Amino acid sequence: MFTIAPAAAEGSWMLAEALLRCSSVRERLDRALADLVALSVDCAWKARAVEAMLDRCAEQQHELAGVLDELGWIESGLRVG
């Protein structure tokens, strides 16, 4: 944070206040940037987790399709038998 000793010049207090506000805004922007970076990392992790779940669902869907084929074959066999 800035340390400002305003001179007696006209407007120096306004300049000092503006510099303090700028410093405060910069600190908030730095915190927001850190939050965005953390969010980006979190979203990347969640995206990988979702991809893994989608892969598992695709595998299970493939297995279920195989089971349905077998059930159709068994049903046909029972009708003939």
PDB file of N, CA and C in Angstrom:
ATOM      1  N   MET A   1       0.843  -1.159   0.000  1.00  0.00           N
ATOM      2  CA  MET A   1       0.000   0.000   0.000  1.00  0.00           C
ATOM      3  C   MET A   1       0.888   1.222   0.000  1.00  0.00           C
ATOM      4  N   PHE A   2       0.418   2.276  -0.614  1.00  0.00           N
ATOM      5  CA  PHE A   2       1.172   3.521  -0.714  1.00  0.00           C
ATOM      6  C   PHE A   2       1.137   4.281   0.606  1.00  0.00           C
ATOM      7  N   THR A   3       2.242   4.965   0.878  1.00  0.00           N
ATOM      8  CA  THR A   3       2.265   5.917   1.983  1.00  0.00           C
ATOM      9  C   THR A   3       2.451   7.278   1.350  1.00  0.00           C
ATOM     10  N   ILE A   4       1.504   8.134   1.571  1.00  0.00           N
ATOM     11  CA  ILE A   4       1.518   9.421   0.892  1.00  0.00           C
ATOM     12  C   ILE A   4       1.437  10.535   1.927  1.00  0.00           C
ATOM     13  N   ALA A   5       2.350  11.471   1.792  1.00  0.00           N
ATOM     14  CA  ALA A   5       2.306  12.657   2.645  1.00  0.00           C
ATOM     15  C   ALA A   5       2.001  13.821   1.721  1.00  0.00           C
ATOM     16  N   PRO A   6       0.748  14.162   1.596  1.00  0.00           N
ATOM     17  CA  PRO A   6       0.379  15.191   0.642  1.00  0.00           C
ATOM     18  C   PRO A   6       1.026  16.528   0.967  1.00  0.00           C
ATOM     19  N   ALA A   7       1.442  17.179  -0.066  1.00  0.00           N
ATOM     20  CA  ALA A   7       2.028  18.506   0.086  1.00  0.00           C
ATOM     21  C   ALA A   7       0.890  19.516   0.268  1.00  0.00           C
ATOM     22  N   ALA A   8       1.253  20.719   0.475  1.00  0.00           N
ATOM     23  CA  ALA A   8       0.251  21.753   0.674  1.00  0.00           C
ATOM     24  C   ALA A   8      -0.391  22.170  -0.645  1.00  0.00           C
ATOM     25  N   ALA A   9       0.079  21.607  -1.751  1.00  0.00           N
ATOM     26  CA  ALA A   9      -0.446  22.002  -3.055  1.00  0.00           C
ATOM     27  C   ALA A   9      -1.925  21.675  -3.148  1.00  0.00           C
ATOM     28  N   GLU A  10      -2.624  22.501  -3.885  1.00  0.00           N
ATOM     29  CA  GLU A  10      -4.061  22.314  -4.059  1.00  0.00           C
ATOM     30  C   GLU A  10      -4.330  21.000  -4.792  1.00  0.00           C
ATOM     31  N   GLY A  11      -5.253  20.225  -4.297  1.00  0.00           N
ATOM     32  CA  GLY A  11      -5.620  18.960  -4.936  1.00  0.00           C
ATOM     33  C   GLY A  11      -4.778  17.784  -4.486  1.00  0.00           C
ATOM     34  N   SER A  12      -3.795  17.993  -3.631  1.00  0.00           N
ATOM     35  CA  SER A  12      -2.927  16.892  -3.227  1.00  0.00           C
ATOM     36  C   SER A  12      -3.689  15.838  -2.414  1.00  0.00           C
ATOM     37  N   TRP A  13      -4.676  16.252  -1.608  1.00  0.00           N
ATOM     38  CA  TRP A  13      -5.475  15.291  -0.862  1.00  0.00           C
ATOM     39  C   TRP A  13      -6.323  14.452  -1.810  1.00  0.00           C
ATOM     40  N   MET A  14      -6.857  15.090  -2.836  1.00  0.00           N
ATOM     41  CA  MET A  14      -7.652  14.331  -3.810  1.00  0.00           C
ATOM     42  C   MET A  14      -6.771  13.329  -4.540  1.00  0.00           C
ATOM     43  N   LEU A  15      -5.530  13.736  -4.855  1.00  0.00           N
ATOM     44  CA  LEU A  15      -4.596  12.824  -5.508  1.00  0.00           C
ATOM     45  C   LEU A  15      -4.274  11.648  -4.584  1.00  0.00           C
ATOM     46  N   ALA A  16      -4.040  11.957  -3.319  1.00  0.00           N
ATOM     47  CA  ALA A  16      -3.736  10.906  -2.348  1.00  0.00           C
ATOM     48  C   ALA A  16      -4.902   9.935  -2.217  1.00  0.00           C
ATOM     49  N   GLU A  17      -6.118  10.442  -2.145  1.00  0.00           N
ATOM     50  CA  GLU A  17      -7.301   9.574  -2.049  1.00  0.00           C
ATOM     51  C   GLU A  17      -7.465   8.741  -3.309  1.00  0.00           C
ATOM     52  N   ALA A  18      -7.220   9.331  -4.460  1.00  0.00           N
ATOM     53  CA  ALA A  18      -7.335   8.597  -5.720  1.00  0.00           C
ATOM     54  C   ALA A  18      -6.295   7.488  -5.781  1.00  0.00           C
ATOM     55  N   LEU A  19      -5.077   7.766  -5.334  1.00  0.00           N
ATOM     56  CA  LEU A  19      -4.040   6.737  -5.318  1.00  0.00           C
ATOM     57  C   LEU A  19      -4.401   5.595  -4.370  1.00  0.00           C
ATOM     58  N   LEU A  20      -4.976   5.927  -3.226  1.00  0.00           N
ATOM     59  CA  LEU A  20      -5.406   4.887  -2.291  1.00  0.00           C
ATOM     60  C   LEU A  20      -6.531   4.037  -2.887  1.00  0.00           C
ATOM     61  N   ARG A  21      -7.478   4.694  -3.569  1.00  0.00           N
ATOM     62  CA  ARG A  21      -8.556   3.933  -4.224  1.00  0.00           C
ATOM     63  C   ARG A  21      -7.991   3.033  -5.310  1.00  0.00           C
ATOM     64  N   CYS A  22      -7.030   3.540  -6.072  1.00  0.00           N
ATOM     65  CA  CYS A  22      -6.405   2.719  -7.118  1.00  0.00           C
ATOM     66  C   CYS A  22      -5.692   1.512  -6.513  1.00  0.00           C
ATOM     67  N   SER A  23      -5.024   1.751  -5.399  1.00  0.00           N
ATOM     68  CA  SER A  23      -4.339   0.651  -4.723  1.00  0.00           C
ATOM     69  C   SER A  23      -5.341  -0.390  -4.242  1.00  0.00           C
ATOM     70  N   SER A  24      -6.450   0.074  -3.686  1.00  0.00           N
ATOM     71  CA  SER A  24      -7.482  -0.840  -3.213  1.00  0.00           C
ATOM     72  C   SER A  24      -8.089  -1.635  -4.367  1.00  0.00           C
ATOM     73  N   VAL A  25      -8.344  -0.943  -5.471  1.00  0.00           N
ATOM     74  CA  VAL A  25      -8.898  -1.625  -6.650  1.00  0.00           C
ATOM     75  C   VAL A  25      -7.912  -2.654  -7.170  1.00  0.00           C
ATOM     76  N   ARG A  26      -6.632  -2.308  -7.180  1.00  0.00           N
ATOM     77  CA  ARG A  26      -5.618  -3.253  -7.656  1.00  0.00           C
ATOM     78  C   ARG A  26      -5.593  -4.500  -6.785  1.00  0.00           C
ATOM     79  N   GLU A  27      -5.692  -4.325  -5.463  1.00  0.00           N
ATOM     80  CA  GLU A  27      -5.725  -5.476  -4.571  1.00  0.00           C
ATOM     81  C   GLU A  27      -6.939  -6.359  -4.852  1.00  0.00           C
ATOM     82  N   ARG A  28      -8.098  -5.741  -5.074  1.00  0.00           N
ATOM     83  CA  ARG A  28      -9.305  -6.520  -5.400  1.00  0.00           C
ATOM     84  C   ARG A  28      -9.145  -7.244  -6.728  1.00  0.00           C
ATOM     85  N   LEU A  29      -8.538  -6.580  -7.708  1.00  0.00           N
ATOM     86  CA  LEU A  29      -8.310  -7.223  -9.006  1.00  0.00           C
ATOM     87  C   LEU A  29      -7.339  -8.395  -8.880  1.00  0.00           C
ATOM     88  N   ASP A  30      -6.313  -8.235  -8.057  1.00  0.00           N
ATOM     89  CA  ASP A  30      -5.372  -9.339  -7.830  1.00  0.00           C
ATOM     90  C   ASP A  30      -6.074 -10.525  -7.195  1.00  0.00           C
ATOM     91  N   ARG A  31      -6.958 -10.255  -6.214  1.00  0.00           N
ATOM     92  CA  ARG A  31      -7.715 -11.347  -5.582  1.00  0.00           C
ATOM     93  C   ARG A  31      -8.655 -12.003  -6.595  1.00  0.00           C
ATOM     94  N   ALA A  32      -9.306 -11.191  -7.432  1.00  0.00           N
ATOM     95  CA  ALA A  32     -10.217 -11.739  -8.443  1.00  0.00           C
ATOM     96  C   ALA A  32      -9.452 -12.595  -9.439  1.00  0.00           C
ATOM     97  N   LEU A  33      -8.264 -12.149  -9.831  1.00  0.00           N
ATOM     98  CA  LEU A  33      -7.446 -12.931 -10.760  1.00  0.00           C
ATOM     99  C   LEU A  33      -7.055 -14.267 -10.132  1.00  0.00           C
ATOM    100  N   ALA A  34      -6.666 -14.232  -8.863  1.00  0.00           N
ATOM    101  CA  ALA A  34      -6.318 -15.480  -8.176  1.00  0.00           C
ATOM    102  C   ALA A  34      -7.529 -16.411  -8.122  1.00  0.00           C
ATOM    103  N   ASP A  35      -8.713 -15.857  -7.868  1.00  0.00           N
ATOM    104  CA  ASP A  35      -9.929 -16.675  -7.852  1.00  0.00           C
ATOM    105  C   ASP A  35     -10.213 -17.277  -9.221  1.00  0.00           C
ATOM    106  N   LEU A  36     -10.002 -16.495 -10.272  1.00  0.00           N
ATOM    107  CA  LEU A  36     -10.230 -16.998 -11.631  1.00  0.00           C
ATOM    108  C   LEU A  36      -9.251 -18.106 -11.986  1.00  0.00           C
ATOM    109  N   VAL A  37      -8.014 -17.965 -11.571  1.00  0.00           N
ATOM    110  CA  VAL A  37      -7.022 -19.022 -11.825  1.00  0.00           C
ATOM    111  C   VAL A  37      -7.432 -20.294 -11.089  1.00  0.00           C
ATOM    112  N   ALA A  38      -7.852 -20.146  -9.835  1.00  0.00           N
ATOM    113  CA  ALA A  38      -8.300 -21.316  -9.066  1.00  0.00           C
ATOM    114  C   ALA A  38      -9.523 -21.952  -9.719  1.00  0.00           C
ATOM    115  N   LEU A  39     -10.438 -21.134 -10.202  1.00  0.00           N
ATOM    116  CA  LEU A  39     -11.630 -21.647 -10.873  1.00  0.00           C
ATOM    117  C   LEU A  39     -11.259 -22.394 -12.145  1.00  0.00           C
ATOM    118  N   SER A  40     -10.302 -21.870 -12.872  1.00  0.00           N
ATOM    119  CA  SER A  40      -9.844 -22.522 -14.097  1.00  0.00           C
ATOM    120  C   SER A  40      -9.279 -23.902 -13.792  1.00  0.00           C
ATOM    121  N   VAL A  41      -8.474 -23.999 -12.742  1.00  0.00           N
ATOM    122  CA  VAL A  41      -7.906 -25.290 -12.341  1.00  0.00           C
ATOM    123  C   VAL A  41      -9.018 -26.238 -11.921  1.00  0.00           C
ATOM    124  N   ASP A  42      -9.985 -25.725 -11.139  1.00  0.00           N
ATOM    125  CA  ASP A  42     -11.099 -26.540 -10.674  1.00  0.00           C
ATOM    126  C   ASP A  42     -11.944 -27.029 -11.852  1.00  0.00           C
ATOM    127  N   CYS A  43     -12.205 -26.134 -12.792  1.00  0.00           N
ATOM    128  CA  CYS A  43     -13.013 -26.518 -13.954  1.00  0.00           C
ATOM    129  C   CYS A  43     -12.296 -27.570 -14.804  1.00  0.00           C
ATOM    130  N   ALA A  44     -10.986 -27.425 -14.933  1.00  0.00           N
ATOM    131  CA  ALA A  44     -10.224 -28.418 -15.703  1.00  0.00           C
ATOM    132  C   ALA A  44     -10.317 -29.786 -15.034  1.00  0.00           C
ATOM    133  N   TRP A  45     -10.214 -29.804 -13.702  1.00  0.00           N
ATOM    134  CA  TRP A  45     -10.324 -31.070 -12.978  1.00  0.00           C
ATOM    135  C   TRP A  45     -11.709 -31.665 -13.171  1.00  0.00           C
ATOM    136  N   LYS A  46     -12.739 -30.824 -13.062  1.00  0.00           N
ATOM    137  CA  LYS A  46     -14.106 -31.315 -13.227  1.00  0.00           C
ATOM    138  C   LYS A  46     -14.350 -31.784 -14.653  1.00  0.00           C
ATOM    139  N   ALA A  47     -13.769 -31.102 -15.630  1.00  0.00           N
ATOM    140  CA  ALA A  47     -13.931 -31.521 -17.026  1.00  0.00           C
ATOM    141  C   ALA A  47     -13.327 -32.906 -17.233  1.00  0.00           C
ATOM    142  N   ARG A  48     -12.162 -33.153 -16.639  1.00  0.00           N
ATOM    143  CA  ARG A  48     -11.544 -34.482 -16.757  1.00  0.00           C
ATOM    144  C   ARG A  48     -12.410 -35.538 -16.072  1.00  0.00           C
ATOM    145  N   ALA A  49     -13.004 -35.181 -14.938  1.00  0.00           N
ATOM    146  CA  ALA A  49     -13.875 -36.127 -14.228  1.00  0.00           C
ATOM    147  C   ALA A  49     -15.111 -36.439 -15.069  1.00  0.00           C
ATOM    148  N   VAL A  50     -15.673 -35.431 -15.710  1.00  0.00           N
ATOM    149  CA  VAL A  50     -16.848 -35.645 -16.558  1.00  0.00           C
ATOM    150  C   VAL A  50     -16.477 -36.525 -17.750  1.00  0.00           C
ATOM    151  N   GLU A  51     -15.314 -36.280 -18.346  1.00  0.00           N
ATOM    152  CA  GLU A  51     -14.881 -37.118 -19.471  1.00  0.00           C
ATOM    153  C   GLU A  51     -14.730 -38.572 -19.034  1.00  0.00           C
ATOM    154  N   ALA A  52     -14.173 -38.784 -17.861  1.00  0.00           N
ATOM    155  CA  ALA A  52     -14.016 -40.154 -17.356  1.00  0.00           C
ATOM    156  C   ALA A  52     -15.381 -40.801 -17.139  1.00  0.00           C
ATOM    157  N   MET A  53     -16.329 -40.045 -16.593  1.00  0.00           N
ATOM    158  CA  MET A  53     -17.671 -40.591 -16.385  1.00  0.00           C
ATOM    159  C   MET A  53     -18.346 -40.900 -17.713  1.00  0.00           C
ATOM    160  N   LEU A  54     -18.159 -40.036 -18.710  1.00  0.00           N
ATOM    161  CA  LEU A  54     -18.743 -40.299 -20.027  1.00  0.00           C
ATOM    162  C   LEU A  54     -18.140 -41.549 -20.651  1.00  0.00           C
ATOM    163  N   ASP A  55     -16.837 -41.749 -20.460  1.00  0.00           N
ATOM    164  CA  ASP A  55     -16.200 -42.970 -20.968  1.00  0.00           C
ATOM    165  C   ASP A  55     -16.791 -44.209 -20.299  1.00  0.00           C
ATOM    166  N   ARG A  56     -16.977 -44.127 -18.970  1.00  0.00           N
ATOM    167  CA  ARG A  56     -17.568 -45.260 -18.258  1.00  0.00           C
ATOM    168  C   ARG A  56     -18.992 -45.523 -18.736  1.00  0.00           C
ATOM    169  N   CYS A  57     -19.756 -44.461 -18.954  1.00  0.00           N
ATOM    170  CA  CYS A  57     -21.132 -44.632 -19.443  1.00  0.00           C
ATOM    171  C   CYS A  57     -21.138 -45.264 -20.830  1.00  0.00           C
ATOM    172  N   ALA A  58     -20.217 -44.856 -21.683  1.00  0.00           N
ATOM    173  CA  ALA A  58     -20.138 -45.435 -23.030  1.00  0.00           C
ATOM    174  C   ALA A  58     -19.801 -46.927 -22.950  1.00  0.00           C
ATOM    175  N   GLU A  59     -18.882 -47.280 -22.045  1.00  0.00           N
ATOM    176  CA  GLU A  59     -18.545 -48.700 -21.863  1.00  0.00           C
ATOM    177  C   GLU A  59     -19.762 -49.494 -21.391  1.00  0.00           C
ATOM    178  N   GLN A  60     -20.486 -48.942 -20.419  1.00  0.00           N
ATOM    179  CA  GLN A  60     -21.674 -49.629 -19.901  1.00  0.00           C
ATOM    180  C   GLN A  60     -22.760 -49.723 -20.962  1.00  0.00           C
ATOM    181  N   GLN A  61     -22.890 -48.686 -21.780  1.00  0.00           N
ATOM    182  CA  GLN A  61     -23.876 -48.719 -22.856  1.00  0.00           C
ATOM    183  C   GLN A  61     -23.521 -49.813 -23.860  1.00  0.00           C
ATOM    184  N   HIS A  62     -22.241 -49.968 -24.143  1.00  0.00           N
ATOM    185  CA  HIS A  62     -21.797 -51.018 -25.056  1.00  0.00           C
ATOM    186  C   HIS A  62     -22.095 -52.403 -24.466  1.00  0.00           C
ATOM    187  N   GLU A  63     -21.819 -52.560 -23.165  1.00  0.00           N
ATOM    188  CA  GLU A  63     -22.125 -53.830 -22.504  1.00  0.00           C
ATOM    189  C   GLU A  63     -23.619 -54.119 -22.529  1.00  0.00           C
ATOM    190  N   LEU A  64     -24.447 -53.105 -22.287  1.00  0.00           N
ATOM    191  CA  LEU A  64     -25.899 -53.295 -22.300  1.00  0.00           C
ATOM    192  C   LEU A  64     -26.391 -53.676 -23.693  1.00  0.00           C
ATOM    193  N   ALA A  65     -25.776 -53.095 -24.719  1.00  0.00           N
ATOM    194  CA  ALA A  65     -26.165 -53.463 -26.084  1.00  0.00           C
ATOM    195  C   ALA A  65     -25.867 -54.937 -26.325  1.00  0.00           C
ATOM    196  N   GLY A  66     -24.742 -55.410 -25.806  1.00  0.00           N
ATOM    197  CA  GLY A  66     -24.407 -56.829 -25.935  1.00  0.00           C
ATOM    198  C   GLY A  66     -25.401 -57.710 -25.204  1.00  0.00           C
ATOM    199  N   VAL A  67     -25.796 -57.289 -24.020  1.00  0.00           N
ATOM    200  CA  VAL A  67     -26.776 -58.056 -23.236  1.00  0.00           C
ATOM    201  C   VAL A  67     -28.117 -58.091 -23.964  1.00  0.00           C
ATOM    202  N   LEU A  68     -28.535 -56.965 -24.542  1.00  0.00           N
ATOM    203  CA  LEU A  68     -29.795 -56.939 -25.285  1.00  0.00           C
ATOM    204  C   LEU A  68     -29.757 -57.879 -26.485  1.00  0.00           C
ATOM    205  N   ASP A  69     -28.610 -57.943 -27.152  1.00  0.00           N
ATOM    206  CA  ASP A  69     -28.470 -58.888 -28.271  1.00  0.00           C
ATOM    207  C   ASP A  69     -28.623 -60.326 -27.784  1.00  0.00           C
ATOM    208  N   GLU A  70     -27.978 -60.621 -26.661  1.00  0.00           N
ATOM    209  CA  GLU A  70     -28.080 -61.970 -26.099  1.00  0.00           C
ATOM    210  C   GLU A  70     -29.514 -62.286 -25.685  1.00  0.00           C
ATOM    211  N   LEU A  71     -30.198 -61.320 -25.097  1.00  0.00           N
ATOM    212  CA  LEU A  71     -31.591 -61.548 -24.695  1.00  0.00           C
ATOM    213  C   LEU A  71     -32.473 -61.814 -25.915  1.00  0.00           C
ATOM    214  N   GLY A  72     -32.201 -61.100 -26.987  1.00  0.00           N
ATOM    215  CA  GLY A  72     -32.957 -61.358 -28.216  1.00  0.00           C
ATOM    216  C   GLY A  72     -32.709 -62.762 -28.735  1.00  0.00           C
ATOM    217  N   TRP A  73     -31.472 -63.214 -28.648  1.00  0.00           N
ATOM    218  CA  TRP A  73     -31.126 -64.572 -29.096  1.00  0.00           C
ATOM    219  C   TRP A  73     -31.788 -65.594 -28.201  1.00  0.00           C
ATOM    220  N   ILE A  74     -31.780 -65.357 -26.888  1.00  0.00           N
ATOM    221  CA  ILE A  74     -32.420 -66.286 -25.944  1.00  0.00           C
ATOM    222  C   ILE A  74     -33.929 -66.323 -26.170  1.00  0.00           C
ATOM    223  N   GLU A  75     -34.527 -65.147 -26.402  1.00  0.00           N
ATOM    224  CA  GLU A  75     -35.973 -65.097 -26.651  1.00  0.00           C
ATOM    225  C   GLU A  75     -36.331 -65.891 -27.907  1.00  0.00           C
ATOM    226  N   SER A  76     -35.527 -65.728 -28.943  1.00  0.00           N
ATOM    227  CA  SER A  76     -35.773 -66.492 -30.170  1.00  0.00           C
ATOM    228  C   SER A  76     -35.657 -67.986 -29.917  1.00  0.00           C
ATOM    229  N   GLY A  77     -34.667 -68.385 -29.140  1.00  0.00           N
ATOM    230  CA  GLY A  77     -34.480 -69.794 -28.823  1.00  0.00           C
ATOM    231  C   GLY A  77     -35.648 -70.363 -28.029  1.00  0.00           C
ATOM    232  N   LEU A  78     -36.187 -69.568 -27.113  1.00  0.00           N
ATOM    233  CA  LEU A  78     -37.314 -70.032 -26.309  1.00  0.00           C
ATOM    234  C   LEU A  78     -38.574 -70.175 -27.153  1.00  0.00           C
ATOM    235  N   ARG A  79     -38.744 -69.277 -28.120  1.00  0.00           N
ATOM    236  CA  ARG A  79     -39.930 -69.379 -28.982  1.00  0.00           C
ATOM    237  C   ARG A  79     -39.853 -70.621 -29.874  1.00  0.00           C
ATOM    238  N   VAL A  80     -38.670 -70.936 -30.329  1.00  0.00           N
ATOM    239  CA  VAL A  80     -38.501 -72.104 -31.205  1.00  0.00           C
ATOM    240  C   VAL A  80     -38.619 -73.381 -30.395  1.00  0.00           C
ATOM    241  N   GLY A  81     -38.035 -73.386 -29.224  1.00  0.00           N
ATOM    242  CA  GLY A  81     -37.941 -74.577 -28.401  1.00  0.00           C
ATOM    243  C   GLY A  81     -39.195 -75.006 -27.791  1.00  0.00           C
TER     244      GLY A  81
END
